[in-house]
């Protein structure tokens, strides 16, 4: 079991191109052993159990960080900008990607690693734009890790001097903790989710290099305080940029495309 998030060793990770035959991999973050949980023992036992869990969590993250560093070197050698796109479910990540790819119209070569617990729905949507995509299904896992991304990159084979967008599993908790080897972490949130998300999920917003506030076309119809949202995000992360936009209407999208161009040029 991954002690950071609780996803199981037998999650059955699958890395596929839509239309190809799925290939399963065991999902293992640690040494393959899950400490038993028995609430009938004394404090000494619980303290020892807690110590083992903390040690296992450190081992999990240390192993992931080593793999992430290898990914980062691989991407840098090829001048590839990798962006880790994170959000809660329903924020509009996939719609934003579809619109991004279409508006770039080949100006920047983009390929996508899609992360979901199940289905190939999102990868098929991305492929429909003409963009190359692979799907990683994590099974019971609630986030991507560096090893999954390495496997996805081998299947994806992104071209040199291009952009790879890693659409992480919809979750505002665990994805913030796992380095994938990306150049930037981008958090997508939407006005329909409420302005309280930065303070409710501080680790995610502290980790972000950029926050995209999506669905601003719906502001007339929802109770959302944009100024409060930006203030709270920057109280956690003073350096973070916040770009309001609408993936469906295109408002503010040029700022996001300029951000991608700028960071690819610097990669």
C-alpha atoms as a PDB file:
ATOM      1  CA  UNK A   1       0.000   0.000   0.000  1.00  0.00           C
ATOM      2  CA  UNK A   2       1.123   3.537  -0.723  1.00  0.00           C
ATOM      3  CA  UNK A   3       1.132   5.091   2.740  1.00  0.00           C
ATOM      4  CA  UNK A   4       0.875   8.585   1.287  1.00  0.00           C
ATOM      5  CA  UNK A   5      -2.521   8.082  -0.316  1.00  0.00           C
ATOM      6  CA  UNK A   6      -3.675   4.545   0.477  1.00  0.00           C
ATOM      7  CA  UNK A   7      -3.797   3.229  -3.099  1.00  0.00           C
ATOM      8  CA  UNK A   8      -3.133  -0.487  -3.281  1.00  0.00           C
ATOM      9  CA  UNK A   9      -0.201  -2.448  -4.660  1.00  0.00           C
ATOM     10  CA  UNK A  10      -2.571  -4.437  -6.879  1.00  0.00           C
ATOM     11  CA  UNK A  11      -4.074  -1.377  -8.575  1.00  0.00           C
ATOM     12  CA  UNK A  12      -3.305  -2.885 -11.992  1.00  0.00           C
ATOM     13  CA  UNK A  13      -1.751   0.033 -13.842  1.00  0.00           C
ATOM     14  CA  UNK A  14      -2.286  -0.070 -17.632  1.00  0.00           C
ATOM     15  CA  UNK A  15      -0.456   2.070 -20.196  1.00  0.00           C
ATOM     16  CA  UNK A  16      -2.142   1.989 -23.597  1.00  0.00           C
ATOM     17  CA  UNK A  17      -2.699   3.820 -26.811  1.00  0.00           C
ATOM     18  CA  UNK A  18      -6.473   3.903 -27.414  1.00  0.00           C
ATOM     19  CA  UNK A  19      -7.310   1.095 -29.811  1.00  0.00           C
ATOM     20  CA  UNK A  20      -4.348  -1.017 -28.740  1.00  0.00           C
ATOM     21  CA  UNK A  21      -4.384  -3.968 -26.378  1.00  0.00           C
ATOM     22  CA  UNK A  22      -4.049  -2.949 -22.696  1.00  0.00           C
ATOM     23  CA  UNK A  23      -0.866  -3.997 -20.914  1.00  0.00           C
ATOM     24  CA  UNK A  24      -1.104  -4.309 -17.149  1.00  0.00           C
ATOM     25  CA  UNK A  25       1.606  -3.548 -14.621  1.00  0.00           C
ATOM     26  CA  UNK A  26       1.523  -4.126 -10.874  1.00  0.00           C
ATOM     27  CA  UNK A  27       1.367  -0.802  -9.059  1.00  0.00           C
ATOM     28  CA  UNK A  28       3.928  -0.854  -6.289  1.00  0.00           C
ATOM     29  CA  UNK A  29       5.279   2.164  -4.449  1.00  0.00           C
ATOM     30  CA  UNK A  30       7.167   0.443  -1.678  1.00  0.00           C
ATOM     31  CA  UNK A  31       8.476  -2.974  -0.759  1.00  0.00           C
ATOM     32  CA  UNK A  32       5.212  -4.770  -1.520  1.00  0.00           C
ATOM     33  CA  UNK A  33       4.290  -5.271   2.138  1.00  0.00           C
ATOM     34  CA  UNK A  34       1.331  -3.617   3.775  1.00  0.00           C
ATOM     35  CA  UNK A  35       1.386  -3.318   7.573  1.00  0.00           C
ATOM     36  CA  UNK A  36      -1.633  -4.924   9.209  1.00  0.00           C
ATOM     37  CA  UNK A  37      -4.016  -2.619  11.032  1.00  0.00           C
ATOM     38  CA  UNK A  38      -5.211  -3.939  14.362  1.00  0.00           C
ATOM     39  CA  UNK A  39      -6.958  -1.477  16.652  1.00  0.00           C
ATOM     40  CA  UNK A  40      -6.764  -3.813  19.609  1.00  0.00           C
ATOM     41  CA  UNK A  41      -3.065  -3.314  20.398  1.00  0.00           C
ATOM     42  CA  UNK A  42      -1.378  -1.034  22.916  1.00  0.00           C
ATOM     43  CA  UNK A  43       0.195   2.378  22.358  1.00  0.00           C
ATOM     44  CA  UNK A  44       3.714   0.980  21.966  1.00  0.00           C
ATOM     45  CA  UNK A  45       2.564  -1.173  19.069  1.00  0.00           C
ATOM     46  CA  UNK A  46       0.705   1.724  17.453  1.00  0.00           C
ATOM     47  CA  UNK A  47       3.755   3.966  17.831  1.00  0.00           C
ATOM     48  CA  UNK A  48       5.945   1.312  16.213  1.00  0.00           C
ATOM     49  CA  UNK A  49       3.390   0.887  13.428  1.00  0.00           C
ATOM     50  CA  UNK A  50       3.320   4.651  12.870  1.00  0.00           C
ATOM     51  CA  UNK A  51       7.119   4.664  12.678  1.00  0.00           C
ATOM     52  CA  UNK A  52       7.080   1.918  10.047  1.00  0.00           C
ATOM     53  CA  UNK A  53       4.468   3.785   8.015  1.00  0.00           C
ATOM     54  CA  UNK A  54       6.488   7.008   8.118  1.00  0.00           C
ATOM     55  CA  UNK A  55       9.610   5.120   7.021  1.00  0.00           C
ATOM     56  CA  UNK A  56       7.718   3.423   4.184  1.00  0.00           C
ATOM     57  CA  UNK A  57       6.293   6.769   3.047  1.00  0.00           C
ATOM     58  CA  UNK A  58       9.815   8.236   2.975  1.00  0.00           C
ATOM     59  CA  UNK A  59      11.031   5.260   0.936  1.00  0.00           C
ATOM     60  CA  UNK A  60       8.101   5.623  -1.481  1.00  0.00           C
ATOM     61  CA  UNK A  61       8.769   9.306  -2.099  1.00  0.00           C
ATOM     62  CA  UNK A  62      12.549   8.841  -2.297  1.00  0.00           C
ATOM     63  CA  UNK A  63      12.180   6.114  -4.936  1.00  0.00           C
ATOM     64  CA  UNK A  64       9.728   8.259  -6.877  1.00  0.00           C
ATOM     65  CA  UNK A  65      12.082  11.262  -6.711  1.00  0.00           C
ATOM     66  CA  UNK A  66      14.939   9.211  -8.186  1.00  0.00           C
ATOM     67  CA  UNK A  67      12.740   8.124 -11.087  1.00  0.00           C
ATOM     68  CA  UNK A  68      11.458  11.681 -11.541  1.00  0.00           C
ATOM     69  CA  UNK A  69      15.034  12.943 -11.812  1.00  0.00           C
ATOM     70  CA  UNK A  70      15.694  10.406 -14.585  1.00  0.00           C
ATOM     71  CA  UNK A  71      12.544  11.592 -16.395  1.00  0.00           C
ATOM     72  CA  UNK A  72      13.672  15.208 -16.036  1.00  0.00           C
ATOM     73  CA  UNK A  73      17.076  14.442 -17.584  1.00  0.00           C
ATOM     74  CA  UNK A  74      15.449  12.494 -20.439  1.00  0.00           C
ATOM     75  CA  UNK A  75      13.088  15.379 -21.202  1.00  0.00           C
ATOM     76  CA  UNK A  76      15.784  18.062 -20.907  1.00  0.00           C
ATOM     77  CA  UNK A  77      18.073  16.220 -23.322  1.00  0.00           C
ATOM     78  CA  UNK A  78      15.278  16.386 -25.899  1.00  0.00           C
ATOM     79  CA  UNK A  79      14.285  19.993 -25.073  1.00  0.00           C
ATOM     80  CA  UNK A  80      10.770  18.798 -24.193  1.00  0.00           C
ATOM     81  CA  UNK A  81       8.592  20.888 -21.896  1.00  0.00           C
ATOM     82  CA  UNK A  82       6.586  18.598 -19.615  1.00  0.00           C
ATOM     83  CA  UNK A  83       3.623  20.117 -17.787  1.00  0.00           C
ATOM     84  CA  UNK A  84       1.821  18.302 -14.960  1.00  0.00           C
ATOM     85  CA  UNK A  85      -1.835  19.347 -15.235  1.00  0.00           C
ATOM     86  CA  UNK A  86      -3.696  18.735 -11.954  1.00  0.00           C
ATOM     87  CA  UNK A  87      -7.212  19.436 -10.737  1.00  0.00           C
ATOM     88  CA  UNK A  88     -10.292  17.974  -9.122  1.00  0.00           C
ATOM     89  CA  UNK A  89     -12.653  16.008 -11.392  1.00  0.00           C
ATOM     90  CA  UNK A  90     -14.837  18.212 -13.584  1.00  0.00           C
ATOM     91  CA  UNK A  91     -12.661  21.321 -13.615  1.00  0.00           C
ATOM     92  CA  UNK A  92     -12.382  21.191 -17.405  1.00  0.00           C
ATOM     93  CA  UNK A  93      -8.818  19.864 -17.874  1.00  0.00           C
ATOM     94  CA  UNK A  94      -9.600  17.771 -20.944  1.00  0.00           C
ATOM     95  CA  UNK A  95     -11.753  20.481 -22.523  1.00  0.00           C
ATOM     96  CA  UNK A  96      -8.908  22.936 -21.921  1.00  0.00           C
ATOM     97  CA  UNK A  97      -6.460  20.556 -23.602  1.00  0.00           C
ATOM     98  CA  UNK A  98      -8.746  20.072 -26.620  1.00  0.00           C
ATOM     99  CA  UNK A  99      -9.092  23.829 -27.040  1.00  0.00           C
ATOM    100  CA  UNK A 100      -5.359  24.387 -26.486  1.00  0.00           C
ATOM    101  CA  UNK A 101      -4.364  21.889 -29.164  1.00  0.00           C
ATOM    102  CA  UNK A 102      -6.857  23.269 -31.675  1.00  0.00           C
ATOM    103  CA  UNK A 103      -5.923  26.914 -31.034  1.00  0.00           C
ATOM    104  CA  UNK A 104      -2.201  26.178 -31.338  1.00  0.00           C
ATOM    105  CA  UNK A 105      -3.006  24.614 -34.743  1.00  0.00           C
ATOM    106  CA  UNK A 106       0.391  22.971 -35.036  1.00  0.00           C
ATOM    107  CA  UNK A 107       2.286  26.069 -33.875  1.00  0.00           C
ATOM    108  CA  UNK A 108       3.676  23.962 -31.024  1.00  0.00           C
ATOM    109  CA  UNK A 109       3.869  20.162 -31.259  1.00  0.00           C
ATOM    110  CA  UNK A 110       1.864  18.781 -28.316  1.00  0.00           C
ATOM    111  CA  UNK A 111       1.390  15.225 -27.067  1.00  0.00           C
ATOM    112  CA  UNK A 112      -0.542  14.083 -24.026  1.00  0.00           C
ATOM    113  CA  UNK A 113      -0.301  11.468 -21.280  1.00  0.00           C
ATOM    114  CA  UNK A 114      -3.782  10.928 -19.866  1.00  0.00           C
ATOM    115  CA  UNK A 115      -4.195   9.648 -16.298  1.00  0.00           C
ATOM    116  CA  UNK A 116      -7.494   8.162 -15.088  1.00  0.00           C
ATOM    117  CA  UNK A 117      -8.449   5.301 -12.834  1.00  0.00           C
ATOM    118  CA  UNK A 118     -10.411   3.662 -15.651  1.00  0.00           C
ATOM    119  CA  UNK A 119     -11.582   4.141 -19.300  1.00  0.00           C
ATOM    120  CA  UNK A 120      -9.895   5.621 -22.347  1.00  0.00           C
ATOM    121  CA  UNK A 121     -12.484   8.373 -22.788  1.00  0.00           C
ATOM    122  CA  UNK A 122     -10.131  11.321 -22.362  1.00  0.00           C
ATOM    123  CA  UNK A 123      -7.302   9.934 -24.506  1.00  0.00           C
ATOM    124  CA  UNK A 124      -9.783   9.341 -27.330  1.00  0.00           C
ATOM    125  CA  UNK A 125     -11.004  12.930 -27.018  1.00  0.00           C
ATOM    126  CA  UNK A 126      -7.428  14.170 -27.318  1.00  0.00           C
ATOM    127  CA  UNK A 127      -6.694  11.886 -30.270  1.00  0.00           C
ATOM    128  CA  UNK A 128      -9.768  13.289 -32.035  1.00  0.00           C
ATOM    129  CA  UNK A 129      -7.944  16.635 -32.225  1.00  0.00           C
ATOM    130  CA  UNK A 130      -5.142  14.958 -34.205  1.00  0.00           C
ATOM    131  CA  UNK A 131      -2.826  14.961 -31.183  1.00  0.00           C
ATOM    132  CA  UNK A 132      -0.871  11.891 -30.100  1.00  0.00           C
ATOM    133  CA  UNK A 133      -1.987  10.557 -26.705  1.00  0.00           C
ATOM    134  CA  UNK A 134      -1.513   7.558 -24.434  1.00  0.00           C
ATOM    135  CA  UNK A 135      -3.779   6.507 -21.590  1.00  0.00           C
ATOM    136  CA  UNK A 136      -2.535   5.428 -18.161  1.00  0.00           C
ATOM    137  CA  UNK A 137      -5.224   3.713 -16.100  1.00  0.00           C
ATOM    138  CA  UNK A 138      -4.220   3.561 -12.456  1.00  0.00           C
ATOM    139  CA  UNK A 139      -6.951   1.212 -11.234  1.00  0.00           C
ATOM    140  CA  UNK A 140      -7.288   1.917  -7.515  1.00  0.00           C
ATOM    141  CA  UNK A 141      -4.459   4.474  -7.626  1.00  0.00           C
ATOM    142  CA  UNK A 142      -5.422   8.121  -7.174  1.00  0.00           C
ATOM    143  CA  UNK A 143      -2.396   9.756  -8.816  1.00  0.00           C
ATOM    144  CA  UNK A 144       0.307   9.242 -11.413  1.00  0.00           C
ATOM    145  CA  UNK A 145       3.879   8.618 -10.321  1.00  0.00           C
ATOM    146  CA  UNK A 146       7.241   8.996 -12.040  1.00  0.00           C
ATOM    147  CA  UNK A 147       7.461   5.343 -13.090  1.00  0.00           C
ATOM    148  CA  UNK A 148       4.054   5.456 -14.789  1.00  0.00           C
ATOM    149  CA  UNK A 149       5.071   8.609 -16.645  1.00  0.00           C
ATOM    150  CA  UNK A 150       8.349   7.003 -17.762  1.00  0.00           C
ATOM    151  CA  UNK A 151       6.385   4.108 -19.253  1.00  0.00           C
ATOM    152  CA  UNK A 152       3.976   6.539 -20.878  1.00  0.00           C
ATOM    153  CA  UNK A 153       6.837   8.506 -22.435  1.00  0.00           C
ATOM    154  CA  UNK A 154       8.300   5.324 -23.934  1.00  0.00           C
ATOM    155  CA  UNK A 155       4.987   4.584 -25.642  1.00  0.00           C
ATOM    156  CA  UNK A 156       4.309   8.218 -26.586  1.00  0.00           C
ATOM    157  CA  UNK A 157       7.750   8.932 -28.102  1.00  0.00           C
ATOM    158  CA  UNK A 158       7.273  12.731 -28.116  1.00  0.00           C
ATOM    159  CA  UNK A 159       9.301  14.665 -30.707  1.00  0.00           C
ATOM    160  CA  UNK A 160      12.239  16.876 -29.775  1.00  0.00           C
ATOM    161  CA  UNK A 161      11.453  20.487 -28.803  1.00  0.00           C
ATOM    162  CA  UNK A 162       7.795  19.757 -28.100  1.00  0.00           C
ATOM    163  CA  UNK A 163       5.299  19.999 -25.254  1.00  0.00           C
ATOM    164  CA  UNK A 164       4.102  16.990 -23.257  1.00  0.00           C
ATOM    165  CA  UNK A 165       1.056  17.613 -21.098  1.00  0.00           C
ATOM    166  CA  UNK A 166       0.493  15.070 -18.338  1.00  0.00           C
ATOM    167  CA  UNK A 167      -3.180  15.175 -17.377  1.00  0.00           C
ATOM    168  CA  UNK A 168      -3.075  13.737 -13.864  1.00  0.00           C
ATOM    169  CA  UNK A 169      -5.849  11.798 -12.144  1.00  0.00           C
ATOM    170  CA  UNK A 170      -8.573  14.152 -10.896  1.00  0.00           C
ATOM    171  CA  UNK A 171      -7.587  14.734  -7.259  1.00  0.00           C
ATOM    172  CA  UNK A 172      -6.471  17.840  -5.344  1.00  0.00           C
ATOM    173  CA  UNK A 173      -4.437  15.926  -2.739  1.00  0.00           C
ATOM    174  CA  UNK A 174      -1.896  13.238  -3.691  1.00  0.00           C
ATOM    175  CA  UNK A 175      -0.778  14.480  -7.146  1.00  0.00           C
ATOM    176  CA  UNK A 176       0.788  17.498  -5.422  1.00  0.00           C
ATOM    177  CA  UNK A 177       3.176  15.202  -3.518  1.00  0.00           C
ATOM    178  CA  UNK A 178       4.570  13.173  -6.430  1.00  0.00           C
ATOM    179  CA  UNK A 179       7.231  14.653  -8.697  1.00  0.00           C
ATOM    180  CA  UNK A 180       6.871  13.260 -12.223  1.00  0.00           C
ATOM    181  CA  UNK A 181       9.933  14.932 -13.707  1.00  0.00           C
ATOM    182  CA  UNK A 182       7.857  17.784 -15.080  1.00  0.00           C
ATOM    183  CA  UNK A 183       9.125  21.309 -15.669  1.00  0.00           C
ATOM    184  CA  UNK A 184       5.996  22.905 -14.222  1.00  0.00           C
ATOM    185  CA  UNK A 185       2.944  22.043 -12.148  1.00  0.00           C
ATOM    186  CA  UNK A 186      -0.263  23.667 -13.390  1.00  0.00           C
ATOM    187  CA  UNK A 187      -3.427  23.544 -11.307  1.00  0.00           C
ATOM    188  CA  UNK A 188      -6.777  23.928 -13.033  1.00  0.00           C
ATOM    189  CA  UNK A 189      -9.756  24.938 -10.932  1.00  0.00           C
ATOM    190  CA  UNK A 190     -13.120  26.332 -11.961  1.00  0.00           C
ATOM    191  CA  UNK A 191     -15.531  28.943 -10.684  1.00  0.00           C
ATOM    192  CA  UNK A 192     -18.177  26.244 -10.224  1.00  0.00           C
ATOM    193  CA  UNK A 193     -16.059  24.609  -7.506  1.00  0.00           C
ATOM    194  CA  UNK A 194     -16.073  27.561  -5.108  1.00  0.00           C
ATOM    195  CA  UNK A 195     -13.450  30.138  -4.138  1.00  0.00           C
ATOM    196  CA  UNK A 196     -12.366  28.231  -1.015  1.00  0.00           C
ATOM    197  CA  UNK A 197     -10.235  25.606  -2.780  1.00  0.00           C
ATOM    198  CA  UNK A 198      -6.785  27.156  -2.079  1.00  0.00           C
ATOM    199  CA  UNK A 199      -7.319  27.105   1.687  1.00  0.00           C
ATOM    200  CA  UNK A 200      -8.964  23.668   1.634  1.00  0.00           C
ATOM    201  CA  UNK A 201      -6.167  22.099  -0.430  1.00  0.00           C
ATOM    202  CA  UNK A 202      -3.062  24.125   0.501  1.00  0.00           C
ATOM    203  CA  UNK A 203      -0.441  21.556  -0.574  1.00  0.00           C
ATOM    204  CA  UNK A 204      -1.726  21.622  -4.149  1.00  0.00           C
ATOM    205  CA  UNK A 205      -1.645  25.403  -4.397  1.00  0.00           C
ATOM    206  CA  UNK A 206       1.746  25.669  -2.685  1.00  0.00           C
ATOM    207  CA  UNK A 207       3.162  23.267  -5.275  1.00  0.00           C
ATOM    208  CA  UNK A 208       1.700  25.115  -8.273  1.00  0.00           C
ATOM    209  CA  UNK A 209       3.765  27.138 -10.726  1.00  0.00           C
ATOM    210  CA  UNK A 210       0.583  28.344 -12.419  1.00  0.00           C
ATOM    211  CA  UNK A 211      -3.117  28.316 -11.539  1.00  0.00           C
ATOM    212  CA  UNK A 212      -5.705  28.403 -14.321  1.00  0.00           C
ATOM    213  CA  UNK A 213      -9.121  29.606 -13.138  1.00  0.00           C
ATOM    214  CA  UNK A 214     -11.466  28.033 -15.664  1.00  0.00           C
ATOM    215  CA  UNK A 215     -15.131  28.568 -16.617  1.00  0.00           C
ATOM    216  CA  UNK A 216     -15.095  32.333 -16.037  1.00  0.00           C
ATOM    217  CA  UNK A 217     -17.912  32.579 -18.586  1.00  0.00           C
ATOM    218  CA  UNK A 218     -20.132  31.212 -15.778  1.00  0.00           C
ATOM    219  CA  UNK A 219     -19.252  33.968 -13.277  1.00  0.00           C
ATOM    220  CA  UNK A 220     -22.628  35.737 -13.760  1.00  0.00           C
ATOM    221  CA  UNK A 221     -24.404  32.555 -12.651  1.00  0.00           C
ATOM    222  CA  UNK A 222     -22.339  31.408  -9.637  1.00  0.00           C
ATOM    223  CA  UNK A 223     -21.293  32.853  -6.289  1.00  0.00           C
ATOM    224  CA  UNK A 224     -17.530  33.102  -6.753  1.00  0.00           C
ATOM    225  CA  UNK A 225     -15.218  35.801  -5.438  1.00  0.00           C
ATOM    226  CA  UNK A 226     -12.286  36.014  -7.884  1.00  0.00           C
ATOM    227  CA  UNK A 227     -10.349  38.509  -5.759  1.00  0.00           C
ATOM    228  CA  UNK A 228     -10.634  36.252  -2.691  1.00  0.00           C
ATOM    229  CA  UNK A 229      -9.523  33.214  -4.693  1.00  0.00           C
ATOM    230  CA  UNK A 230      -6.402  34.971  -5.998  1.00  0.00           C
ATOM    231  CA  UNK A 231      -5.639  36.471  -2.580  1.00  0.00           C
ATOM    232  CA  UNK A 232      -5.869  33.073  -0.872  1.00  0.00           C
ATOM    233  CA  UNK A 233      -3.792  31.336  -3.538  1.00  0.00           C
ATOM    234  CA  UNK A 234      -1.029  33.924  -3.210  1.00  0.00           C
ATOM    235  CA  UNK A 235      -1.156  33.839   0.588  1.00  0.00           C
ATOM    236  CA  UNK A 236      -0.033  30.212   0.248  1.00  0.00           C
ATOM    237  CA  UNK A 237       2.253  30.724  -2.724  1.00  0.00           C
ATOM    238  CA  UNK A 238       3.308  34.349  -3.316  1.00  0.00           C
ATOM    239  CA  UNK A 239       5.095  33.520  -6.582  1.00  0.00           C
ATOM    240  CA  UNK A 240       2.166  31.744  -8.266  1.00  0.00           C
ATOM    241  CA  UNK A 241       0.591  33.246 -11.383  1.00  0.00           C
ATOM    242  CA  UNK A 242      -3.201  33.025 -11.701  1.00  0.00           C
ATOM    243  CA  UNK A 243      -4.760  33.187 -15.173  1.00  0.00           C
ATOM    244  CA  UNK A 244      -8.578  33.393 -15.433  1.00  0.00           C
ATOM    245  CA  UNK A 245      -9.911  31.833 -18.641  1.00  0.00           C
ATOM    246  CA  UNK A 246     -12.771  30.017 -20.321  1.00  0.00           C
ATOM    247  CA  UNK A 247     -11.849  26.839 -22.179  1.00  0.00           C
ATOM    248  CA  UNK A 248     -15.205  26.777 -23.953  1.00  0.00           C
ATOM    249  CA  UNK A 249     -15.433  30.458 -24.953  1.00  0.00           C
ATOM    250  CA  UNK A 250     -11.718  31.105 -25.435  1.00  0.00           C
ATOM    251  CA  UNK A 251     -11.567  34.107 -23.128  1.00  0.00           C
ATOM    252  CA  UNK A 252      -8.087  34.469 -21.594  1.00  0.00           C
ATOM    253  CA  UNK A 253      -6.762  31.474 -23.517  1.00  0.00           C
ATOM    254  CA  UNK A 254      -4.092  33.516 -25.323  1.00  0.00           C
ATOM    255  CA  UNK A 255      -2.353  34.142 -21.974  1.00  0.00           C
ATOM    256  CA  UNK A 256      -2.153  30.385 -21.377  1.00  0.00           C
ATOM    257  CA  UNK A 257      -0.798  29.740 -24.886  1.00  0.00           C
ATOM    258  CA  UNK A 258       1.807  32.482 -24.409  1.00  0.00           C
ATOM    259  CA  UNK A 259       2.823  30.856 -21.119  1.00  0.00           C
ATOM    260  CA  UNK A 260       3.399  27.535 -22.932  1.00  0.00           C
ATOM    261  CA  UNK A 261       5.427  29.189 -25.708  1.00  0.00           C
ATOM    262  CA  UNK A 262       7.577  31.080 -23.209  1.00  0.00           C
ATOM    263  CA  UNK A 263       8.353  28.026 -21.100  1.00  0.00           C
ATOM    264  CA  UNK A 264       9.069  25.813 -24.123  1.00  0.00           C
ATOM    265  CA  UNK A 265      11.572  28.408 -25.348  1.00  0.00           C
ATOM    266  CA  UNK A 266      13.272  28.241 -21.947  1.00  0.00           C
ATOM    267  CA  UNK A 267      13.347  24.424 -21.745  1.00  0.00           C
END
